[in-house]
Amino acid sequence: MSEMDAPSEFELPVHGAAIAGAPEGIGQSFDEPPEPELIETPGVGADPLLEFRRTLGMFATGVTVITVVADEQVHGMTANAFMSVSLAPPLVLVSIDRKARMNAMLREGVRFGVSVLEAGQRELSDRFAGRPRPDTPEPRFELVHATPLVEGALAHLVGRVVRSYWGGDHSLFLGRVEYVYYGEGTPLLFHGGRYERVIRDPQVFSALPAELLQPLLAAGVETTFADGEALMRRGERGDALYLVLEGAVTVARPGRMFSLGAGAVVGEIEVLDPGAGRIADVIADGDVRALRVTRDELRAALGTQPRAALALIEILASRFRELA
């Protein structure tokens, strides 16, 4: 979005009065910001500000679009400087460049929307960052509490500005949350100055067509598991994969848990690199019948199935393209 000159001064919404119990400087006018201090960096001749920016870029974040209504028009901007502050009361914080038009629109009492973008919405992110593509469709919004929210986003919040603070060349706006919503999906990520994506359930062997997969699994040994018994534990050596023939299993990874039923393949990533260990606990949910296929058996089968080996290479190449 276009930018305008920063205002000549920045005052907090307390009419210059200090806030009781606040650190010195909070709640005052910031006509005279602190003197800048040099940043230490080990690089000889390196630009400290550039090194600071690159260092901050190593912190992976989600991508949001901040929206407001002003003069009966929707205004939005892309921002990854968004964070939660408190659960009780529910508070969030957004950091806005003082040169951005959004900075002049946010003030105490104004409602704003936060839309957490989904992995497929990077074109919308570019549009609200002032880099629209000719083929980018017009954004669509839904109104909640008279506040626009990006349609199809992974999560929505509506907040009302309750405080604002000096933040150097940015302004910090603290908002009390009035509305929240989240759906299913994968978030759009930003890291190192570029978009990234989460690969939740990478498939390799299970992505093969049935006619190529079955010969690879033919050498497996059928195994049974009782309710609550582990097919595999996180961290242990992953030298075999399992094809679930009957029953269901629960897969538990850090921060995520889900169920898989008959026909699912588990442990297929770890069998390619067994030394790194299992990435999840897989527990039988009731009685389970599964086919266990070792790494050596898979290697031997691939030696006699060149079509399957080529297909696996293509699948792995597609994963690299997704990450790139």
Protein backbone atom coordinates (compact mmCIF):
# COMPACT_ATOMS: atom_id res chain seq x y z
CA MET A 1 0.00 0.00 0.00
CA SER A 2 1.13 3.59 -0.50
CA GLU A 3 2.87 5.46 2.28
CA MET A 4 2.75 8.98 3.61
CA ASP A 5 5.17 11.11 5.60
CA ALA A 6 5.30 10.30 9.29
CA PRO A 7 3.61 12.81 11.60
CA SER A 8 5.87 15.38 13.19
CA GLU A 9 5.16 14.00 16.64
CA PHE A 10 3.72 10.95 18.32
CA GLU A 11 1.65 11.20 21.48
CA LEU A 12 0.10 8.43 23.50
CA PRO A 13 -3.68 8.61 24.03
CA VAL A 14 -3.43 9.88 27.58
CA HIS A 15 -3.07 13.60 26.77
CA GLY A 16 0.55 13.63 27.92
CA ALA A 17 -0.22 12.34 31.43
CA ALA A 18 1.98 9.59 32.83
CA ILE A 19 0.41 6.18 33.44
CA ALA A 20 0.47 5.15 37.08
CA GLY A 21 3.00 2.37 37.66
CA ALA A 22 4.31 2.50 34.09
CA PRO A 23 8.05 2.64 33.33
CA GLU A 24 9.54 6.07 32.87
CA GLY A 25 8.72 7.47 29.45
CA ILE A 26 5.52 5.48 28.89
CA GLY A 27 2.47 7.68 28.52
CA GLN A 28 4.39 10.78 27.44
CA SER A 29 4.99 12.60 24.17
CA PHE A 30 7.99 11.23 22.26
CA ASP A 31 9.04 14.38 20.40
CA GLU A 32 12.63 13.65 21.43
CA PRO A 33 13.37 9.94 20.91
CA PRO A 34 16.39 8.37 22.60
CA GLU A 35 19.79 8.76 21.00
CA PRO A 36 20.56 5.83 18.67
CA GLU A 37 23.18 3.36 19.83
CA LEU A 38 25.45 1.29 17.62
CA ILE A 39 24.73 -2.42 17.29
CA GLU A 40 27.69 -4.74 17.73
CA THR A 41 28.19 -7.23 14.91
CA PRO A 42 31.07 -9.66 14.29
CA GLY A 43 31.14 -8.96 10.56
CA VAL A 44 34.04 -6.69 9.55
CA GLY A 45 32.68 -3.67 7.73
CA ALA A 46 29.12 -4.97 7.89
CA ASP A 47 26.19 -2.55 8.01
CA PRO A 48 24.79 -2.95 11.56
CA LEU A 49 21.23 -2.04 10.53
CA LEU A 50 21.28 -4.53 7.66
CA GLU A 51 22.68 -7.22 9.97
CA PHE A 52 19.94 -6.40 12.50
CA ARG A 53 17.27 -6.78 9.83
CA ARG A 54 18.69 -10.09 8.62
CA THR A 55 18.96 -11.37 12.19
CA LEU A 56 15.30 -10.56 12.87
CA GLY A 57 14.44 -12.36 9.63
CA MET A 58 15.68 -15.62 11.16
CA PHE A 59 12.60 -15.58 13.40
CA ALA A 60 9.88 -17.38 11.43
CA THR A 61 6.46 -15.76 11.72
CA GLY A 62 2.97 -16.10 10.38
CA VAL A 63 1.58 -13.50 7.98
CA THR A 64 -1.42 -11.32 8.81
CA VAL A 65 -3.46 -8.64 7.11
CA ILE A 66 -4.49 -5.74 9.37
CA THR A 67 -7.73 -4.08 8.28
CA VAL A 68 -9.78 -1.05 9.30
CA VAL A 69 -12.68 0.97 7.91
CA ALA A 70 -11.94 4.65 7.36
CA ASP A 71 -14.04 7.12 5.36
CA GLU A 72 -16.36 4.23 4.44
CA GLN A 73 -13.50 2.39 2.73
CA VAL A 74 -11.60 -0.77 3.67
CA HIS A 75 -7.91 -0.23 4.27
CA GLY A 76 -5.49 -3.11 4.79
CA MET A 77 -1.81 -3.84 5.07
CA THR A 78 0.31 -6.96 5.41
CA ALA A 79 2.09 -7.35 8.75
CA ASN A 80 4.06 -10.12 10.39
CA ALA A 81 4.81 -8.01 13.49
CA PHE A 82 1.79 -9.32 15.39
CA MET A 83 1.79 -11.07 18.75
CA SER A 84 -0.39 -12.21 21.60
CA VAL A 85 0.07 -10.34 24.88
CA SER A 86 -2.45 -11.60 27.43
CA LEU A 87 -5.21 -14.17 27.83
CA ALA A 88 -7.06 -12.39 30.63
CA PRO A 89 -7.84 -9.76 29.53
CA PRO A 90 -7.47 -10.88 25.89
CA LEU A 91 -4.84 -8.57 24.39
CA VAL A 92 -2.83 -8.55 21.17
CA LEU A 93 -0.20 -6.18 19.79
CA VAL A 94 0.52 -4.97 16.25
CA SER A 95 3.55 -2.97 15.16
CA ILE A 96 2.97 -0.48 12.32
CA ASP A 97 5.53 1.56 10.41
CA ARG A 98 5.00 5.22 11.27
CA LYS A 99 5.17 6.10 7.55
CA ALA A 100 2.33 3.71 6.69
CA ARG A 101 -1.16 5.13 6.16
CA MET A 102 -2.47 2.56 8.64
CA ASN A 103 -0.51 4.30 11.39
CA ALA A 104 -2.70 7.39 11.10
CA MET A 105 -5.90 5.34 11.10
CA LEU A 106 -5.32 3.45 14.35
CA ARG A 107 -5.99 5.30 17.57
CA GLU A 108 -7.63 4.61 20.89
CA GLY A 109 -11.15 3.23 20.47
CA VAL A 110 -10.74 2.21 16.80
CA ARG A 111 -11.54 -1.39 15.89
CA PHE A 112 -9.15 -3.31 13.67
CA GLY A 113 -9.17 -6.77 12.15
CA VAL A 114 -6.38 -9.32 12.05
CA SER A 115 -6.61 -12.04 9.40
CA VAL A 116 -4.04 -14.83 9.71
CA LEU A 117 -3.35 -15.90 6.14
CA GLU A 118 -3.52 -19.47 4.90
CA ALA A 119 -0.71 -21.03 2.83
CA GLY A 120 -2.60 -20.45 -0.43
CA GLN A 121 -3.02 -16.70 0.15
CA ARG A 122 0.46 -15.39 -0.59
CA GLU A 123 -0.90 -13.35 -3.53
CA LEU A 124 -3.19 -11.55 -1.09
CA SER A 125 -0.20 -10.94 1.18
CA ASP A 126 1.69 -9.37 -1.73
CA ARG A 127 -1.34 -7.26 -2.67
CA PHE A 128 -1.68 -5.76 0.80
CA ALA A 129 2.09 -5.25 0.94
CA GLY A 130 1.88 -3.04 -2.15
CA ARG A 131 3.12 -5.69 -4.61
CA PRO A 132 -0.07 -6.72 -6.45
CA ARG A 133 0.15 -9.02 -9.45
CA PRO A 134 -1.98 -8.30 -12.53
CA ASP A 135 -3.86 -11.60 -12.16
CA THR A 136 -4.51 -11.30 -8.40
CA PRO A 137 -8.28 -11.40 -7.76
CA GLU A 138 -9.93 -8.66 -5.77
CA PRO A 139 -9.92 -9.48 -2.05
CA ARG A 140 -13.21 -10.35 -0.44
CA PHE A 141 -14.15 -9.42 3.10
CA GLU A 142 -16.67 -10.39 5.73
CA LEU A 143 -17.80 -7.88 8.32
CA VAL A 144 -17.72 -8.70 12.03
CA HIS A 145 -18.37 -5.92 14.55
CA ALA A 146 -18.36 -3.54 11.55
CA THR A 147 -14.74 -4.62 10.91
CA PRO A 148 -13.55 -6.17 7.61
CA LEU A 149 -11.82 -9.55 7.76
CA VAL A 150 -10.17 -11.29 4.82
CA GLU A 151 -12.43 -14.06 3.55
CA GLY A 152 -10.87 -17.53 3.63
CA ALA A 153 -8.15 -16.66 6.14
CA LEU A 154 -7.00 -19.31 8.58
CA ALA A 155 -7.97 -17.26 11.64
CA HIS A 156 -9.71 -13.97 12.44
CA LEU A 157 -9.51 -11.55 15.35
CA VAL A 158 -11.26 -8.25 15.93
CA GLY A 159 -9.75 -5.91 18.50
CA ARG A 160 -10.23 -2.38 19.77
CA VAL A 161 -7.18 -0.19 20.34
CA VAL A 162 -6.80 0.50 24.06
CA ARG A 163 -3.22 1.85 24.17
CA SER A 164 -0.53 2.99 21.75
CA TYR A 165 3.20 3.28 22.36
CA TRP A 166 6.31 4.70 20.76
CA GLY A 167 8.33 2.01 19.01
CA GLY A 168 11.13 3.83 17.22
CA ASP A 169 10.24 4.04 13.53
CA HIS A 170 7.10 2.00 14.32
CA SER A 171 4.05 2.53 16.51
CA LEU A 172 2.83 -0.23 18.83
CA PHE A 173 -0.93 -0.65 19.16
CA LEU A 174 -2.35 -2.74 21.98
CA GLY A 175 -5.80 -4.12 21.22
CA ARG A 176 -8.40 -5.77 23.42
CA VAL A 177 -9.84 -8.70 21.47
CA GLU A 178 -13.62 -8.80 20.98
CA TYR A 179 -13.99 -11.65 18.46
CA VAL A 180 -11.98 -14.72 17.46
CA TYR A 181 -12.39 -17.51 14.92
CA TYR A 182 -10.09 -20.20 13.57
CA GLY A 183 -10.49 -22.92 10.97
CA GLU A 184 -8.57 -25.87 9.59
CA GLY A 185 -5.65 -25.32 7.27
CA THR A 186 -1.96 -24.57 6.98
CA PRO A 187 -0.57 -21.12 7.82
CA LEU A 188 1.47 -18.98 5.45
CA LEU A 189 4.94 -18.47 6.96
CA PHE A 190 7.62 -15.83 6.46
CA HIS A 191 11.30 -16.48 7.18
CA GLY A 192 14.56 -14.98 5.97
CA GLY A 193 12.82 -12.46 3.71
CA ARG A 194 10.74 -15.05 1.84
CA TYR A 195 7.56 -17.04 2.15
CA GLU A 196 7.76 -20.55 3.55
CA ARG A 197 5.18 -23.25 4.09
CA VAL A 198 4.45 -26.00 6.58
CA ILE A 199 4.51 -29.55 5.25
CA ARG A 200 2.16 -31.23 7.72
CA ASP A 201 1.93 -34.80 6.48
CA PRO A 202 4.61 -35.41 3.87
CA GLN A 203 3.95 -38.57 1.89
CA VAL A 204 6.53 -40.58 0.01
CA PHE A 205 5.74 -44.27 -0.32
CA SER A 206 2.03 -43.72 0.34
CA ALA A 207 1.93 -41.25 -2.57
CA LEU A 208 2.80 -44.04 -5.01
CA PRO A 209 0.03 -45.52 -7.16
CA ALA A 210 -1.26 -48.82 -5.79
CA GLU A 211 0.28 -50.83 -8.62
CA LEU A 212 3.74 -49.51 -7.70
CA LEU A 213 3.31 -49.61 -3.92
CA GLN A 214 2.01 -53.15 -3.52
CA PRO A 215 5.13 -54.90 -4.90
CA LEU A 216 7.28 -52.90 -2.46
CA LEU A 217 5.20 -54.05 0.48
CA ALA A 218 4.88 -57.67 -0.60
CA ALA A 219 7.91 -58.77 1.45
CA GLY A 220 6.44 -57.33 4.67
CA VAL A 221 5.47 -59.38 7.73
CA GLU A 222 2.00 -59.10 9.24
CA THR A 223 2.02 -57.94 12.87
CA THR A 224 -0.76 -57.39 15.42
CA PHE A 225 -0.99 -54.79 18.17
CA ALA A 226 -3.33 -54.63 21.16
CA ASP A 227 -5.21 -51.51 22.18
CA GLY A 228 -2.75 -48.91 23.52
CA GLU A 229 0.34 -50.73 22.23
CA ALA A 230 2.93 -48.64 20.39
CA LEU A 231 3.77 -49.35 16.78
CA MET A 232 6.57 -46.83 17.18
CA ARG A 233 7.85 -44.27 19.66
CA ARG A 234 9.21 -40.82 18.97
CA GLY A 235 13.01 -40.76 18.91
CA GLU A 236 13.59 -44.49 18.39
CA ARG A 237 15.34 -45.77 15.28
CA GLY A 238 13.00 -45.80 12.28
CA ASP A 239 14.20 -48.80 10.27
CA ALA A 240 10.71 -50.00 9.20
CA LEU A 241 7.36 -48.62 8.04
CA TYR A 242 3.88 -50.02 8.68
CA LEU A 243 0.86 -50.38 6.44
CA VAL A 244 -2.30 -50.41 8.56
CA LEU A 245 -4.40 -53.33 7.33
CA GLU A 246 -7.17 -53.28 9.92
CA GLY A 247 -8.12 -50.97 12.80
CA ALA A 248 -6.91 -47.45 13.54
CA VAL A 249 -3.88 -45.76 15.06
CA THR A 250 -3.36 -42.44 16.84
CA VAL A 251 -0.40 -40.35 15.67
CA ALA A 252 0.95 -37.91 18.28
CA ARG A 253 3.48 -35.28 17.28
CA PRO A 254 4.52 -32.21 19.28
CA GLY A 255 1.49 -29.90 19.12
CA ARG A 256 -0.64 -32.18 16.97
CA MET A 257 -2.59 -35.42 17.28
CA PHE A 258 -4.70 -37.23 14.66
CA SER A 259 -6.03 -40.68 13.72
CA LEU A 260 -5.36 -42.87 10.70
CA GLY A 261 -7.25 -45.94 9.58
CA ALA A 262 -6.84 -48.94 7.29
CA GLY A 263 -4.70 -48.23 4.24
CA ALA A 264 -2.52 -45.64 5.96
CA VAL A 265 1.26 -45.91 5.85
CA VAL A 266 3.17 -44.73 8.94
CA GLY A 267 6.90 -44.32 9.43
CA GLU A 268 7.59 -43.81 5.74
CA ILE A 269 9.71 -40.67 6.21
CA GLU A 270 11.88 -42.12 8.97
CA VAL A 271 12.63 -45.32 7.04
CA LEU A 272 14.51 -43.17 4.50
CA ASP A 273 16.71 -41.74 7.28
CA PRO A 274 16.45 -44.12 10.23
CA GLY A 275 19.35 -42.65 12.18
CA ALA A 276 17.44 -39.40 12.84
CA GLY A 277 14.77 -41.26 14.82
CA ARG A 278 10.98 -41.39 14.74
CA ILE A 279 9.13 -38.08 14.51
CA ALA A 280 5.92 -39.26 16.24
CA ASP A 281 4.37 -41.76 18.61
CA VAL A 282 1.99 -44.13 16.82
CA ILE A 283 -0.35 -45.97 19.18
CA ALA A 284 -2.94 -48.68 18.41
CA ASP A 285 -6.48 -47.42 18.92
CA GLY A 286 -8.12 -50.79 19.57
CA ASP A 287 -6.80 -53.99 18.02
CA VAL A 288 -4.66 -53.29 14.96
CA ARG A 289 -3.34 -55.50 12.21
CA ALA A 290 -0.41 -54.03 10.24
CA LEU A 291 2.20 -55.02 7.69
CA ARG A 292 5.78 -54.30 8.80
CA VAL A 293 8.30 -53.65 6.02
CA THR A 294 11.95 -53.04 6.88
CA ARG A 295 14.34 -50.64 5.20
CA ASP A 296 16.40 -53.53 3.77
CA GLU A 297 13.27 -55.15 2.31
CA LEU A 298 12.27 -51.86 0.67
CA ARG A 299 15.74 -51.40 -0.82
CA ALA A 300 15.70 -54.90 -2.25
CA ALA A 301 12.21 -54.40 -3.71
CA LEU A 302 13.17 -51.06 -5.28
CA GLY A 303 16.10 -52.79 -6.98
CA THR A 304 13.64 -54.95 -8.90
CA GLN A 305 11.04 -52.18 -9.42
CA PRO A 306 12.71 -49.36 -11.40
CA ARG A 307 9.36 -47.68 -12.14
CA ALA A 308 8.64 -47.39 -8.43
CA ALA A 309 12.16 -46.05 -7.76
CA LEU A 310 11.75 -43.38 -10.45
CA ALA A 311 8.32 -42.44 -9.10
CA LEU A 312 9.78 -41.99 -5.60
CA ILE A 313 12.46 -39.66 -7.00
CA GLU A 314 9.73 -37.58 -8.66
CA ILE A 315 7.76 -37.41 -5.40
CA LEU A 316 10.83 -36.27 -3.46
CA ALA A 317 11.61 -33.69 -6.15
CA SER A 318 8.10 -32.28 -5.82
CA ARG A 319 8.66 -31.87 -2.08
CA PHE A 320 11.77 -29.79 -2.78
CA ARG A 321 9.78 -27.63 -5.21
CA GLU A 322 7.16 -27.00 -2.52
CA LEU A 323 9.85 -25.89 -0.08
CA ALA A 324 11.53 -23.71 -2.70
